[in-house]
C-alpha cells in the first residue's frame, strides 16, 4: 500500500495538526529555530580516539620481533615453555568461543 503526501496531510488535518504551518509559525515567532544541535565529547572518548588513531598508524608486523624469532629458530635457541604453549592454546580457544 502506498501512502501519498496528500493522504498524510489529510490525516494531520483531521487530528488538528497542520505540520507545515506549525513549523513555519514556530520559526517566525522566535525569529530563529529554538534549539541548536550540539556535540560534546568526553575526555575519555578523546583519549580513546587518539589511541585508535595511533593503533591504526602502527605497523601490523613488528619486523624486529619476527627477525629475532627467526634467528633463534635457525640457531635452535628458541625456548618456549609448556606452560606458555598451554596458555596460548586456552587463550585462543576462549577467544574463539567469544567470537
C-alpha atoms as a PDB file:
ATOM      1  CA  UNK A   1       0.000   0.000   0.000  1.00  0.00           C
ATOM      2  CA  UNK A   2       1.359   3.409  -0.976  1.00  0.00           C
ATOM      3  CA  UNK A   3       0.611   6.400   1.218  1.00  0.00           C
ATOM      4  CA  UNK A   4       0.793   9.738  -0.545  1.00  0.00           C
ATOM      5  CA  UNK A   5       1.741  13.087   0.907  1.00  0.00           C
ATOM      6  CA  UNK A   6      -1.831  14.305   0.385  1.00  0.00           C
ATOM      7  CA  UNK A   7      -3.196  11.416   2.437  1.00  0.00           C
ATOM      8  CA  UNK A   8      -0.815  12.185   5.278  1.00  0.00           C
ATOM      9  CA  UNK A   9      -1.796  15.874   5.209  1.00  0.00           C
ATOM     10  CA  UNK A  10      -5.497  14.944   5.303  1.00  0.00           C
ATOM     11  CA  UNK A  11      -4.923  12.747   8.344  1.00  0.00           C
ATOM     12  CA  UNK A  12      -2.965  15.533  10.040  1.00  0.00           C
ATOM     13  CA  UNK A  13      -5.844  17.982   9.388  1.00  0.00           C
ATOM     14  CA  UNK A  14      -8.324  15.530  10.864  1.00  0.00           C
ATOM     15  CA  UNK A  15      -6.300  15.424  14.072  1.00  0.00           C
ATOM     16  CA  UNK A  16      -5.933  19.197  14.073  1.00  0.00           C
ATOM     17  CA  UNK A  17      -2.301  19.365  13.112  1.00  0.00           C
ATOM     18  CA  UNK A  18      -1.154  21.216  10.063  1.00  0.00           C
ATOM     19  CA  UNK A  19       2.511  20.285  10.040  1.00  0.00           C
ATOM     20  CA  UNK A  20       3.723  22.836   7.502  1.00  0.00           C
ATOM     21  CA  UNK A  21       2.059  25.855   9.119  1.00  0.00           C
ATOM     22  CA  UNK A  22       3.048  24.860  12.679  1.00  0.00           C
ATOM     23  CA  UNK A  23       6.702  24.618  11.795  1.00  0.00           C
ATOM     24  CA  UNK A  24       6.676  27.921   9.943  1.00  0.00           C
ATOM     25  CA  UNK A  25       4.765  29.666  12.745  1.00  0.00           C
ATOM     26  CA  UNK A  26       7.264  28.456  15.348  1.00  0.00           C
ATOM     27  CA  UNK A  27      10.211  29.698  13.335  1.00  0.00           C
ATOM     28  CA  UNK A  28       8.579  33.028  12.523  1.00  0.00           C
ATOM     29  CA  UNK A  29       7.551  33.703  16.115  1.00  0.00           C
ATOM     30  CA  UNK A  30      11.022  33.173  17.567  1.00  0.00           C
ATOM     31  CA  UNK A  31      12.958  34.554  14.651  1.00  0.00           C
ATOM     32  CA  UNK A  32      15.246  31.518  14.662  1.00  0.00           C
ATOM     33  CA  UNK A  33      14.953  27.874  15.454  1.00  0.00           C
ATOM     34  CA  UNK A  34      14.523  27.346  19.176  1.00  0.00           C
ATOM     35  CA  UNK A  35      17.118  24.586  19.506  1.00  0.00           C
ATOM     36  CA  UNK A  36      20.566  24.117  18.071  1.00  0.00           C
ATOM     37  CA  UNK A  37      22.453  20.871  17.721  1.00  0.00           C
ATOM     38  CA  UNK A  38      25.458  20.435  19.949  1.00  0.00           C
ATOM     39  CA  UNK A  39      28.105  17.734  20.227  1.00  0.00           C
ATOM     40  CA  UNK A  40      30.092  17.163  23.405  1.00  0.00           C
ATOM     41  CA  UNK A  41      32.869  14.578  23.507  1.00  0.00           C
ATOM     42  CA  UNK A  42      34.116  13.443  26.899  1.00  0.00           C
ATOM     43  CA  UNK A  43      37.817  13.485  27.697  1.00  0.00           C
ATOM     44  CA  UNK A  44      37.821   9.677  27.936  1.00  0.00           C
ATOM     45  CA  UNK A  45      36.398   9.483  24.424  1.00  0.00           C
ATOM     46  CA  UNK A  46      39.036  11.884  23.147  1.00  0.00           C
ATOM     47  CA  UNK A  47      41.793   9.744  24.672  1.00  0.00           C
ATOM     48  CA  UNK A  48      40.251   6.636  23.128  1.00  0.00           C
ATOM     49  CA  UNK A  49      40.040   8.371  19.756  1.00  0.00           C
ATOM     50  CA  UNK A  50      43.740   9.308  19.923  1.00  0.00           C
ATOM     51  CA  UNK A  51      44.623   5.731  20.896  1.00  0.00           C
ATOM     52  CA  UNK A  52      42.638   4.341  17.965  1.00  0.00           C
ATOM     53  CA  UNK A  53      44.399   6.705  15.550  1.00  0.00           C
ATOM     54  CA  UNK A  54      47.796   5.680  16.938  1.00  0.00           C
ATOM     55  CA  UNK A  55      46.892   1.988  16.682  1.00  0.00           C
ATOM     56  CA  UNK A  56      45.786   2.394  13.065  1.00  0.00           C
ATOM     57  CA  UNK A  57      49.053   4.148  12.201  1.00  0.00           C
ATOM     58  CA  UNK A  58      51.204   1.485  13.887  1.00  0.00           C
ATOM     59  CA  UNK A  59      52.635  -1.212  11.620  1.00  0.00           C
ATOM     60  CA  UNK A  60      50.816  -4.540  11.634  1.00  0.00           C
ATOM     61  CA  UNK A  61      54.025  -6.565  11.776  1.00  0.00           C
ATOM     62  CA  UNK A  62      56.837  -5.917  14.236  1.00  0.00           C
ATOM     63  CA  UNK A  63      59.696  -6.910  11.977  1.00  0.00           C
ATOM     64  CA  UNK A  64      62.376  -6.669  14.679  1.00  0.00           C
ATOM     65  CA  UNK A  65      60.475  -9.274  16.721  1.00  0.00           C
ATOM     66  CA  UNK A  66      59.947 -11.511  13.671  1.00  0.00           C
ATOM     67  CA  UNK A  67      63.622 -11.372  12.750  1.00  0.00           C
ATOM     68  CA  UNK A  68      64.678 -12.096  16.336  1.00  0.00           C
ATOM     69  CA  UNK A  69      62.447 -15.188  16.448  1.00  0.00           C
ATOM     70  CA  UNK A  70      63.707 -16.362  13.031  1.00  0.00           C
ATOM     71  CA  UNK A  71      67.295 -16.098  14.231  1.00  0.00           C
ATOM     72  CA  UNK A  72      66.524 -18.075  17.390  1.00  0.00           C
ATOM     73  CA  UNK A  73      64.706 -20.768  15.383  1.00  0.00           C
ATOM     74  CA  UNK A  74      67.572 -21.031  12.896  1.00  0.00           C
ATOM     75  CA  UNK A  75      70.151 -21.390  15.658  1.00  0.00           C
ATOM     76  CA  UNK A  76      67.969 -23.783  17.723  1.00  0.00           C
ATOM     77  CA  UNK A  77      67.993 -21.412  20.729  1.00  0.00           C
ATOM     78  CA  UNK A  78      64.271 -20.665  20.805  1.00  0.00           C
ATOM     79  CA  UNK A  79      62.870 -21.913  24.090  1.00  0.00           C
ATOM     80  CA  UNK A  80      59.145 -21.989  24.768  1.00  0.00           C
ATOM     81  CA  UNK A  81      57.816 -23.475  27.984  1.00  0.00           C
ATOM     82  CA  UNK A  82      54.995 -25.992  28.055  1.00  0.00           C
ATOM     83  CA  UNK A  83      53.001 -23.585  30.224  1.00  0.00           C
ATOM     84  CA  UNK A  84      53.300 -20.816  27.626  1.00  0.00           C
ATOM     85  CA  UNK A  85      52.031 -23.140  24.906  1.00  0.00           C
ATOM     86  CA  UNK A  86      49.096 -24.300  27.065  1.00  0.00           C
ATOM     87  CA  UNK A  87      48.232 -20.707  27.973  1.00  0.00           C
ATOM     88  CA  UNK A  88      48.147 -19.662  24.306  1.00  0.00           C
ATOM     89  CA  UNK A  89      46.007 -22.677  23.350  1.00  0.00           C
ATOM     90  CA  UNK A  90      43.487 -21.896  26.108  1.00  0.00           C
ATOM     91  CA  UNK A  91      43.526 -18.173  25.319  1.00  0.00           C
ATOM     92  CA  UNK A  92      42.829 -18.858  21.642  1.00  0.00           C
ATOM     93  CA  UNK A  93      40.053 -21.347  22.469  1.00  0.00           C
ATOM     94  CA  UNK A  94      38.340 -18.876  24.798  1.00  0.00           C
ATOM     95  CA  UNK A  95      38.658 -16.063  22.260  1.00  0.00           C
ATOM     96  CA  UNK A  96      37.172 -18.262  19.538  1.00  0.00           C
ATOM     97  CA  UNK A  97      34.231 -19.150  21.799  1.00  0.00           C
ATOM     98  CA  UNK A  98      33.502 -15.491  22.484  1.00  0.00           C
ATOM     99  CA  UNK A  99      33.576 -14.536  18.832  1.00  0.00           C
END
